[in-house]
């Protein structure tokens, strides 16, 4: 007799569970959907300013970047997505200075933690909102950030020697 009682109690608990599941499904079925009509609404889509999509170097109006190739961003990146190559050059005033040769960024392994941006001493890098980065191979996700040709540094002007004026005799 116990087996018939167990059968009906199991059937009852199964029906209760089914009704609870159907309530959740019905509730989700009737709630309004929040979806994007992408790419149809690409021109009107609002992307938040805090959204991090791809790392970029900041360039000024003359085409110069602020990166001094110190390597702080490369050392602070937890995944090793940044690779910097620099070289020592002589400046016109006779000093040595490190100059950026190659700045590589692997978008495919970046976690967008922003440790590289916050640790940059010159504020040379930032995350942009350009989220459309779909490619067919992983090799295309490795980006060269210093893509603009190097603009030569301004040469300091040599001091102009002033000649003494001849004194006029009255």
C-alpha atoms as a PDB file:
ATOM      1  CA  UNK A   1       0.000   0.000   0.000  1.00  0.00           C
ATOM      2  CA  UNK A   2       2.940   2.305   0.615  1.00  0.00           C
ATOM      3  CA  UNK A   3       3.993   2.159  -2.997  1.00  0.00           C
ATOM      4  CA  UNK A   4       0.650   3.550  -4.248  1.00  0.00           C
ATOM      5  CA  UNK A   5       0.857   6.372  -1.695  1.00  0.00           C
ATOM      6  CA  UNK A   6       4.453   7.157  -2.793  1.00  0.00           C
ATOM      7  CA  UNK A   7       3.316   7.095  -6.420  1.00  0.00           C
ATOM      8  CA  UNK A   8       0.568   9.684  -5.931  1.00  0.00           C
ATOM      9  CA  UNK A   9       2.696  11.948  -3.681  1.00  0.00           C
ATOM     10  CA  UNK A  10       5.453  11.923  -6.313  1.00  0.00           C
ATOM     11  CA  UNK A  11       2.881  12.682  -9.009  1.00  0.00           C
ATOM     12  CA  UNK A  12       1.482  15.562  -6.936  1.00  0.00           C
ATOM     13  CA  UNK A  13       4.913  17.117  -6.268  1.00  0.00           C
ATOM     14  CA  UNK A  14       5.733  16.748  -9.969  1.00  0.00           C
ATOM     15  CA  UNK A  15       2.555  18.624 -10.937  1.00  0.00           C
ATOM     16  CA  UNK A  16       3.318  21.413  -8.430  1.00  0.00           C
ATOM     17  CA  UNK A  17       6.814  21.759  -9.880  1.00  0.00           C
ATOM     18  CA  UNK A  18       5.408  21.837 -13.418  1.00  0.00           C
ATOM     19  CA  UNK A  19       2.905  24.569 -12.516  1.00  0.00           C
ATOM     20  CA  UNK A  20       5.658  26.709 -10.909  1.00  0.00           C
ATOM     21  CA  UNK A  21       7.809  26.329 -14.023  1.00  0.00           C
ATOM     22  CA  UNK A  22       4.897  27.241 -16.303  1.00  0.00           C
ATOM     23  CA  UNK A  23       4.263  30.388 -14.179  1.00  0.00           C
ATOM     24  CA  UNK A  24       7.848  31.529 -14.688  1.00  0.00           C
ATOM     25  CA  UNK A  25       7.664  30.780 -18.411  1.00  0.00           C
ATOM     26  CA  UNK A  26       4.338  32.589 -18.781  1.00  0.00           C
ATOM     27  CA  UNK A  27       5.646  35.613 -16.906  1.00  0.00           C
ATOM     28  CA  UNK A  28       8.715  35.853 -19.184  1.00  0.00           C
ATOM     29  CA  UNK A  29       6.501  35.337 -22.221  1.00  0.00           C
ATOM     30  CA  UNK A  30       4.323  38.327 -21.326  1.00  0.00           C
ATOM     31  CA  UNK A  31       7.031  40.818 -20.239  1.00  0.00           C
ATOM     32  CA  UNK A  32       8.139  43.343 -22.875  1.00  0.00           C
ATOM     33  CA  UNK A  33      11.386  42.457 -24.618  1.00  0.00           C
ATOM     34  CA  UNK A  34      14.476  44.637 -24.375  1.00  0.00           C
ATOM     35  CA  UNK A  35      16.400  43.983 -27.564  1.00  0.00           C
ATOM     36  CA  UNK A  36      18.496  46.083 -29.903  1.00  0.00           C
ATOM     37  CA  UNK A  37      17.725  46.353 -33.569  1.00  0.00           C
ATOM     38  CA  UNK A  38      21.376  46.188 -34.462  1.00  0.00           C
ATOM     39  CA  UNK A  39      22.683  46.976 -37.106  1.00  0.00           C
ATOM     40  CA  UNK A  40      19.552  48.791 -38.315  1.00  0.00           C
ATOM     41  CA  UNK A  41      19.764  51.373 -35.507  1.00  0.00           C
ATOM     42  CA  UNK A  42      23.537  51.900 -35.764  1.00  0.00           C
ATOM     43  CA  UNK A  43      23.181  55.642 -36.440  1.00  0.00           C
ATOM     44  CA  UNK A  44      20.944  56.313 -33.423  1.00  0.00           C
ATOM     45  CA  UNK A  45      22.454  53.841 -30.940  1.00  0.00           C
ATOM     46  CA  UNK A  46      23.668  55.396 -27.696  1.00  0.00           C
ATOM     47  CA  UNK A  47      26.848  53.810 -26.322  1.00  0.00           C
ATOM     48  CA  UNK A  48      27.743  54.739 -22.735  1.00  0.00           C
ATOM     49  CA  UNK A  49      30.932  56.772 -22.310  1.00  0.00           C
ATOM     50  CA  UNK A  50      32.255  54.280 -19.754  1.00  0.00           C
ATOM     51  CA  UNK A  51      32.048  51.430 -22.281  1.00  0.00           C
ATOM     52  CA  UNK A  52      35.494  49.980 -23.054  1.00  0.00           C
ATOM     53  CA  UNK A  53      35.893  48.577 -26.539  1.00  0.00           C
ATOM     54  CA  UNK A  54      39.449  48.929 -27.864  1.00  0.00           C
ATOM     55  CA  UNK A  55      42.675  50.455 -26.617  1.00  0.00           C
ATOM     56  CA  UNK A  56      43.966  53.460 -28.579  1.00  0.00           C
ATOM     57  CA  UNK A  57      46.898  55.862 -28.401  1.00  0.00           C
ATOM     58  CA  UNK A  58      46.002  59.510 -27.960  1.00  0.00           C
ATOM     59  CA  UNK A  59      47.327  61.728 -30.759  1.00  0.00           C
ATOM     60  CA  UNK A  60      47.522  65.523 -30.686  1.00  0.00           C
ATOM     61  CA  UNK A  61      46.762  67.900 -33.592  1.00  0.00           C
ATOM     62  CA  UNK A  62      50.275  67.535 -35.055  1.00  0.00           C
ATOM     63  CA  UNK A  63      50.075  63.716 -35.076  1.00  0.00           C
ATOM     64  CA  UNK A  64      52.283  63.094 -32.028  1.00  0.00           C
ATOM     65  CA  UNK A  65      51.442  60.649 -29.278  1.00  0.00           C
ATOM     66  CA  UNK A  66      52.418  61.009 -25.622  1.00  0.00           C
ATOM     67  CA  UNK A  67      53.831  57.479 -25.241  1.00  0.00           C
ATOM     68  CA  UNK A  68      57.387  57.488 -23.914  1.00  0.00           C
ATOM     69  CA  UNK A  69      57.801  53.680 -24.238  1.00  0.00           C
ATOM     70  CA  UNK A  70      58.313  53.253 -20.492  1.00  0.00           C
ATOM     71  CA  UNK A  71      56.559  49.864 -20.498  1.00  0.00           C
ATOM     72  CA  UNK A  72      54.358  50.473 -17.443  1.00  0.00           C
ATOM     73  CA  UNK A  73      51.222  49.393 -19.318  1.00  0.00           C
ATOM     74  CA  UNK A  74      52.964  46.250 -20.548  1.00  0.00           C
ATOM     75  CA  UNK A  75      54.089  45.311 -17.017  1.00  0.00           C
ATOM     76  CA  UNK A  76      50.667  45.995 -15.456  1.00  0.00           C
ATOM     77  CA  UNK A  77      48.630  44.046 -18.026  1.00  0.00           C
ATOM     78  CA  UNK A  78      47.551  40.788 -16.324  1.00  0.00           C
ATOM     79  CA  UNK A  79      47.140  38.900 -19.625  1.00  0.00           C
ATOM     80  CA  UNK A  80      50.196  40.171 -21.481  1.00  0.00           C
ATOM     81  CA  UNK A  81      48.115  41.711 -24.259  1.00  0.00           C
ATOM     82  CA  UNK A  82      50.452  44.692 -24.713  1.00  0.00           C
ATOM     83  CA  UNK A  83      53.893  44.461 -26.303  1.00  0.00           C
ATOM     84  CA  UNK A  84      56.036  47.581 -26.532  1.00  0.00           C
ATOM     85  CA  UNK A  85      59.276  47.988 -28.437  1.00  0.00           C
ATOM     86  CA  UNK A  86      61.352  51.114 -27.963  1.00  0.00           C
ATOM     87  CA  UNK A  87      64.770  52.413 -28.933  1.00  0.00           C
ATOM     88  CA  UNK A  88      67.158  54.991 -27.556  1.00  0.00           C
ATOM     89  CA  UNK A  89      67.672  58.067 -29.738  1.00  0.00           C
ATOM     90  CA  UNK A  90      69.778  61.191 -29.374  1.00  0.00           C
ATOM     91  CA  UNK A  91      67.922  64.458 -29.046  1.00  0.00           C
ATOM     92  CA  UNK A  92      69.163  67.671 -30.698  1.00  0.00           C
ATOM     93  CA  UNK A  93      70.314  69.007 -27.336  1.00  0.00           C
ATOM     94  CA  UNK A  94      72.661  66.013 -26.845  1.00  0.00           C
ATOM     95  CA  UNK A  95      70.545  63.971 -24.411  1.00  0.00           C
ATOM     96  CA  UNK A  96      69.310  60.411 -24.879  1.00  0.00           C
ATOM     97  CA  UNK A  97      65.608  59.658 -25.008  1.00  0.00           C
ATOM     98  CA  UNK A  98      63.581  56.450 -25.387  1.00  0.00           C
ATOM     99  CA  UNK A  99      61.312  56.497 -28.433  1.00  0.00           C
ATOM    100  CA  UNK A 100      58.403  54.204 -29.269  1.00  0.00           C
ATOM    101  CA  UNK A 101      59.004  51.915 -32.257  1.00  0.00           C
ATOM    102  CA  UNK A 102      56.147  49.410 -32.052  1.00  0.00           C
ATOM    103  CA  UNK A 103      53.061  49.244 -29.809  1.00  0.00           C
ATOM    104  CA  UNK A 104      51.078  45.994 -30.258  1.00  0.00           C
ATOM    105  CA  UNK A 105      47.774  45.262 -28.548  1.00  0.00           C
ATOM    106  CA  UNK A 106      45.984  41.889 -28.639  1.00  0.00           C
ATOM    107  CA  UNK A 107      42.278  42.657 -28.470  1.00  0.00           C
ATOM    108  CA  UNK A 108      41.388  38.960 -28.365  1.00  0.00           C
ATOM    109  CA  UNK A 109      42.969  38.348 -24.965  1.00  0.00           C
ATOM    110  CA  UNK A 110      42.218  41.731 -23.345  1.00  0.00           C
ATOM    111  CA  UNK A 111      39.904  41.668 -20.331  1.00  0.00           C
ATOM    112  CA  UNK A 112      39.305  45.456 -20.487  1.00  0.00           C
ATOM    113  CA  UNK A 113      40.395  45.864 -16.869  1.00  0.00           C
ATOM    114  CA  UNK A 114      41.891  49.310 -17.605  1.00  0.00           C
ATOM    115  CA  UNK A 115      45.021  48.689 -15.517  1.00  0.00           C
ATOM    116  CA  UNK A 116      47.139  49.812 -18.465  1.00  0.00           C
ATOM    117  CA  UNK A 117      45.274  53.108 -18.778  1.00  0.00           C
ATOM    118  CA  UNK A 118      45.402  53.942 -15.083  1.00  0.00           C
ATOM    119  CA  UNK A 119      49.098  53.089 -14.775  1.00  0.00           C
ATOM    120  CA  UNK A 120      50.266  55.143 -17.778  1.00  0.00           C
ATOM    121  CA  UNK A 121      52.339  58.049 -16.375  1.00  0.00           C
ATOM    122  CA  UNK A 122      51.729  60.287 -19.399  1.00  0.00           C
ATOM    123  CA  UNK A 123      48.070  59.458 -20.094  1.00  0.00           C
ATOM    124  CA  UNK A 124      48.971  58.271 -23.591  1.00  0.00           C
ATOM    125  CA  UNK A 125      46.373  55.486 -23.934  1.00  0.00           C
ATOM    126  CA  UNK A 126      42.614  55.229 -23.518  1.00  0.00           C
ATOM    127  CA  UNK A 127      39.728  52.926 -24.348  1.00  0.00           C
ATOM    128  CA  UNK A 128      37.472  54.016 -27.195  1.00  0.00           C
ATOM    129  CA  UNK A 129      33.790  53.181 -27.759  1.00  0.00           C
ATOM    130  CA  UNK A 130      34.332  51.539 -31.157  1.00  0.00           C
ATOM    131  CA  UNK A 131      32.797  48.143 -30.410  1.00  0.00           C
ATOM    132  CA  UNK A 132      32.617  46.815 -33.983  1.00  0.00           C
ATOM    133  CA  UNK A 133      35.766  44.692 -34.017  1.00  0.00           C
ATOM    134  CA  UNK A 134      34.518  41.453 -35.566  1.00  0.00           C
ATOM    135  CA  UNK A 135      37.130  39.647 -37.693  1.00  0.00           C
ATOM    136  CA  UNK A 136      37.456  36.197 -39.208  1.00  0.00           C
ATOM    137  CA  UNK A 137      40.841  35.222 -37.732  1.00  0.00           C
ATOM    138  CA  UNK A 138      42.449  35.811 -34.343  1.00  0.00           C
ATOM    139  CA  UNK A 139      45.594  37.229 -35.961  1.00  0.00           C
ATOM    140  CA  UNK A 140      43.580  40.263 -37.096  1.00  0.00           C
ATOM    141  CA  UNK A 141      42.773  41.069 -33.461  1.00  0.00           C
ATOM    142  CA  UNK A 142      46.412  42.027 -32.845  1.00  0.00           C
ATOM    143  CA  UNK A 143      46.481  45.772 -33.540  1.00  0.00           C
ATOM    144  CA  UNK A 144      49.415  48.136 -34.039  1.00  0.00           C
ATOM    145  CA  UNK A 145      48.474  51.267 -32.103  1.00  0.00           C
ATOM    146  CA  UNK A 146      51.235  53.580 -33.360  1.00  0.00           C
ATOM    147  CA  UNK A 147      49.984  53.427 -36.935  1.00  0.00           C
ATOM    148  CA  UNK A 148      50.662  57.066 -37.818  1.00  0.00           C
ATOM    149  CA  UNK A 149      54.146  57.901 -39.151  1.00  0.00           C
ATOM    150  CA  UNK A 150      56.481  59.521 -36.644  1.00  0.00           C
ATOM    151  CA  UNK A 151      56.443  63.288 -36.636  1.00  0.00           C
ATOM    152  CA  UNK A 152      59.893  64.693 -35.882  1.00  0.00           C
ATOM    153  CA  UNK A 153      60.241  66.424 -32.546  1.00  0.00           C
ATOM    154  CA  UNK A 154      60.531  70.199 -32.726  1.00  0.00           C
ATOM    155  CA  UNK A 155      64.130  71.381 -32.825  1.00  0.00           C
ATOM    156  CA  UNK A 156      64.871  73.934 -30.142  1.00  0.00           C
ATOM    157  CA  UNK A 157      65.778  77.295 -31.618  1.00  0.00           C
ATOM    158  CA  UNK A 158      69.388  78.306 -31.270  1.00  0.00           C
ATOM    159  CA  UNK A 159      69.905  81.458 -29.248  1.00  0.00           C
ATOM    160  CA  UNK A 160      70.391  84.424 -31.515  1.00  0.00           C
ATOM    161  CA  UNK A 161      73.499  86.444 -30.701  1.00  0.00           C
ATOM    162  CA  UNK A 162      72.800  90.151 -30.618  1.00  0.00           C
ATOM    163  CA  UNK A 163      75.481  92.440 -31.899  1.00  0.00           C
ATOM    164  CA  UNK A 164      76.234  95.540 -29.878  1.00  0.00           C
ATOM    165  CA  UNK A 165      75.006  98.746 -31.486  1.00  0.00           C
ATOM    166  CA  UNK A 166      77.678 101.200 -32.476  1.00  0.00           C
ATOM    167  CA  UNK A 167      77.577 104.263 -30.310  1.00  0.00           C
ATOM    168  CA  UNK A 168      76.877 107.478 -32.075  1.00  0.00           C
ATOM    169  CA  UNK A 169      79.071 110.463 -31.296  1.00  0.00           C
ATOM    170  CA  UNK A 170      77.399 113.810 -30.977  1.00  0.00           C
END
